[in-house]
Amino acid sequence: MSMITRESTITCSNCSLKTTETMPTDSCQFFWECPNCGEVLKAGEGDCCVFCTYGDTSCPPIQQEQDCC
C-alpha cells in the first residue's frame, strides 16, 4: 500500500486564496467555505469532493484507487 497524502492546498475560485487543509479519510467533503471571502465551493461535476476539484492533491480514497463515497 502506498503512502497517502492527507493534506491538500485548495485554491478559492473566487478570490484565489490558497489554503492547506487536512482531508478526512473516512468521508467526502462536498463543500468548503473560503476563510477569506466566504465563497462556498462545492465538488465539481464528476468529482467526489472539493479536494478533487479545487485541491492540488486528490482525496485519500482516490489516491488509493478506490471508489469514493
N, C-alpha and C. Protein backbone atom coordinates (compact mmCIF):
# COMPACT_ATOMS: atom_id res chain seq x y z
N MET A 1 0.85 -1.18 0.00
CA MET A 1 0.00 0.00 0.00
C MET A 1 0.89 1.24 0.00
N SER A 2 0.60 2.18 -0.85
CA SER A 2 1.41 3.40 -0.95
C SER A 2 1.01 4.41 0.13
N MET A 3 1.89 5.36 0.33
CA MET A 3 1.64 6.42 1.32
C MET A 3 0.50 7.32 0.85
N ILE A 4 -0.33 7.71 1.78
CA ILE A 4 -1.46 8.60 1.49
C ILE A 4 -1.11 9.99 1.97
N THR A 5 -1.32 10.97 1.10
CA THR A 5 -1.14 12.36 1.47
C THR A 5 -2.45 12.86 2.05
N ARG A 6 -2.41 13.38 3.28
CA ARG A 6 -3.64 13.82 3.94
C ARG A 6 -3.87 15.31 3.81
N GLU A 7 -2.90 16.05 3.29
CA GLU A 7 -3.06 17.49 3.15
C GLU A 7 -3.18 17.87 1.68
N SER A 8 -4.01 18.86 1.42
CA SER A 8 -4.20 19.36 0.08
C SER A 8 -4.36 20.88 0.16
N THR A 9 -3.83 21.57 -0.80
CA THR A 9 -3.97 23.02 -0.85
C THR A 9 -5.12 23.35 -1.79
N ILE A 10 -6.18 23.93 -1.22
CA ILE A 10 -7.36 24.33 -2.00
C ILE A 10 -7.17 25.77 -2.45
N THR A 11 -7.50 26.04 -3.70
CA THR A 11 -7.46 27.40 -4.23
C THR A 11 -8.89 27.87 -4.46
N CYS A 12 -9.27 28.95 -3.80
CA CYS A 12 -10.61 29.51 -3.95
C CYS A 12 -10.79 30.03 -5.36
N SER A 13 -11.87 29.63 -6.01
CA SER A 13 -12.14 30.06 -7.38
C SER A 13 -12.63 31.50 -7.44
N ASN A 14 -12.99 32.07 -6.30
CA ASN A 14 -13.49 33.44 -6.26
C ASN A 14 -12.37 34.46 -6.00
N CYS A 15 -11.56 34.22 -4.96
CA CYS A 15 -10.54 35.21 -4.57
C CYS A 15 -9.10 34.71 -4.74
N SER A 16 -8.93 33.45 -5.15
CA SER A 16 -7.62 32.83 -5.40
C SER A 16 -6.79 32.56 -4.14
N LEU A 17 -7.39 32.66 -2.96
CA LEU A 17 -6.67 32.32 -1.73
C LEU A 17 -6.30 30.84 -1.77
N LYS A 18 -5.09 30.53 -1.37
CA LYS A 18 -4.63 29.14 -1.26
C LYS A 18 -4.57 28.79 0.22
N THR A 19 -5.25 27.70 0.59
CA THR A 19 -5.31 27.27 1.99
C THR A 19 -5.01 25.78 2.05
N THR A 20 -4.09 25.40 2.92
CA THR A 20 -3.78 23.99 3.09
C THR A 20 -4.71 23.42 4.15
N GLU A 21 -5.39 22.33 3.78
CA GLU A 21 -6.38 21.69 4.65
C GLU A 21 -6.02 20.22 4.82
N THR A 22 -6.42 19.65 5.95
CA THR A 22 -6.29 18.21 6.18
C THR A 22 -7.56 17.53 5.68
N MET A 23 -7.38 16.55 4.82
CA MET A 23 -8.52 15.85 4.24
C MET A 23 -9.01 14.74 5.16
N PRO A 24 -10.32 14.56 5.26
CA PRO A 24 -10.84 13.42 6.02
C PRO A 24 -10.52 12.12 5.28
N THR A 25 -10.30 11.06 6.03
CA THR A 25 -10.03 9.77 5.39
C THR A 25 -11.26 8.87 5.39
N ASP A 26 -12.29 9.26 6.14
CA ASP A 26 -13.46 8.39 6.29
C ASP A 26 -14.73 8.96 5.68
N SER A 27 -14.62 10.09 4.99
CA SER A 27 -15.79 10.68 4.35
C SER A 27 -15.34 11.67 3.28
N CYS A 28 -16.27 12.03 2.42
CA CYS A 28 -16.01 13.05 1.40
C CYS A 28 -16.40 14.42 1.94
N GLN A 29 -15.71 15.42 1.48
CA GLN A 29 -16.07 16.79 1.86
C GLN A 29 -16.64 17.45 0.61
N PHE A 30 -17.95 17.61 0.58
CA PHE A 30 -18.64 18.12 -0.60
C PHE A 30 -18.55 19.64 -0.71
N PHE A 31 -18.42 20.34 0.43
CA PHE A 31 -18.40 21.80 0.45
C PHE A 31 -17.20 22.30 1.25
N TRP A 32 -16.75 23.50 0.91
CA TRP A 32 -15.67 24.16 1.65
C TRP A 32 -15.92 25.66 1.58
N GLU A 33 -15.85 26.33 2.73
CA GLU A 33 -16.06 27.77 2.77
C GLU A 33 -14.71 28.48 2.86
N CYS A 34 -14.45 29.39 1.93
CA CYS A 34 -13.20 30.14 1.92
C CYS A 34 -13.14 31.04 3.15
N PRO A 35 -12.04 30.96 3.91
CA PRO A 35 -11.93 31.80 5.10
C PRO A 35 -11.68 33.27 4.78
N ASN A 36 -11.35 33.58 3.54
CA ASN A 36 -11.07 34.95 3.15
C ASN A 36 -12.32 35.68 2.64
N CYS A 37 -13.01 35.09 1.66
CA CYS A 37 -14.13 35.79 1.03
C CYS A 37 -15.50 35.19 1.37
N GLY A 38 -15.52 34.01 2.00
CA GLY A 38 -16.79 33.39 2.37
C GLY A 38 -17.45 32.58 1.26
N GLU A 39 -16.84 32.53 0.09
CA GLU A 39 -17.39 31.74 -1.01
C GLU A 39 -17.46 30.27 -0.59
N VAL A 40 -18.59 29.62 -0.87
CA VAL A 40 -18.73 28.20 -0.57
C VAL A 40 -18.51 27.44 -1.87
N LEU A 41 -17.43 26.68 -1.90
CA LEU A 41 -17.11 25.86 -3.07
C LEU A 41 -17.75 24.50 -2.90
N LYS A 42 -18.17 23.92 -4.00
CA LYS A 42 -18.72 22.57 -3.96
C LYS A 42 -18.01 21.72 -4.99
N ALA A 43 -18.04 20.42 -4.77
CA ALA A 43 -17.38 19.50 -5.69
C ALA A 43 -17.92 19.68 -7.09
N GLY A 44 -17.05 19.65 -8.06
CA GLY A 44 -17.45 19.80 -9.46
C GLY A 44 -18.08 18.53 -9.99
N GLU A 45 -18.78 18.66 -11.08
CA GLU A 45 -19.43 17.51 -11.70
C GLU A 45 -18.39 16.45 -12.06
N GLY A 46 -18.64 15.24 -11.64
CA GLY A 46 -17.72 14.15 -11.89
C GLY A 46 -16.67 13.95 -10.82
N ASP A 47 -16.56 14.90 -9.89
CA ASP A 47 -15.62 14.77 -8.78
C ASP A 47 -16.38 14.40 -7.51
N CYS A 48 -15.69 13.68 -6.62
CA CYS A 48 -16.36 13.22 -5.40
C CYS A 48 -16.29 14.22 -4.26
N CYS A 49 -15.35 15.17 -4.32
CA CYS A 49 -15.21 16.11 -3.21
C CYS A 49 -14.50 17.38 -3.66
N VAL A 50 -14.47 18.38 -2.78
CA VAL A 50 -13.83 19.66 -3.12
C VAL A 50 -12.33 19.51 -3.32
N PHE A 51 -11.70 18.54 -2.67
CA PHE A 51 -10.27 18.35 -2.85
C PHE A 51 -9.94 17.86 -4.25
N CYS A 52 -10.80 17.03 -4.80
CA CYS A 52 -10.59 16.54 -6.16
C CYS A 52 -10.85 17.64 -7.20
N THR A 53 -11.67 18.62 -6.86
CA THR A 53 -11.97 19.72 -7.79
C THR A 53 -11.01 20.88 -7.64
N TYR A 54 -10.78 21.34 -6.42
CA TYR A 54 -10.03 22.58 -6.17
C TYR A 54 -8.67 22.37 -5.52
N GLY A 55 -8.38 21.16 -5.09
CA GLY A 55 -7.13 20.90 -4.38
C GLY A 55 -5.99 20.49 -5.28
N ASP A 56 -4.79 20.57 -4.75
CA ASP A 56 -3.62 20.14 -5.51
C ASP A 56 -3.32 18.65 -5.31
N THR A 57 -4.09 18.01 -4.43
CA THR A 57 -3.96 16.58 -4.17
C THR A 57 -5.35 15.97 -4.09
N SER A 58 -5.56 14.86 -4.75
CA SER A 58 -6.85 14.17 -4.69
C SER A 58 -7.08 13.60 -3.30
N CYS A 59 -8.33 13.31 -2.98
CA CYS A 59 -8.69 12.77 -1.67
C CYS A 59 -8.10 11.37 -1.46
N PRO A 60 -7.96 10.93 -0.19
CA PRO A 60 -7.35 9.64 0.11
C PRO A 60 -7.95 8.44 -0.64
N PRO A 61 -9.28 8.28 -0.75
CA PRO A 61 -9.78 7.12 -1.49
C PRO A 61 -9.34 7.13 -2.97
N ILE A 62 -9.32 8.27 -3.59
CA ILE A 62 -8.89 8.36 -5.00
C ILE A 62 -7.39 8.06 -5.10
N GLN A 63 -6.61 8.52 -4.13
CA GLN A 63 -5.17 8.21 -4.11
C GLN A 63 -4.94 6.70 -4.03
N GLN A 64 -5.84 5.99 -3.34
CA GLN A 64 -5.73 4.55 -3.17
C GLN A 64 -6.43 3.80 -4.30
N GLU A 65 -6.90 4.55 -5.30
CA GLU A 65 -7.60 3.97 -6.45
C GLU A 65 -8.83 3.18 -6.02
N GLN A 66 -9.56 3.74 -5.04
CA GLN A 66 -10.81 3.14 -4.56
C GLN A 66 -11.97 4.05 -4.93
N ASP A 67 -13.17 3.51 -4.86
CA ASP A 67 -14.34 4.34 -5.04
C ASP A 67 -14.45 5.30 -3.87
N CYS A 68 -14.87 6.49 -4.15
CA CYS A 68 -15.03 7.49 -3.10
C CYS A 68 -16.52 7.69 -2.84
N CYS A 69 -16.88 7.69 -1.62
CA CYS A 69 -18.25 7.93 -1.14
C CYS A 69 -19.26 7.28 -2.03
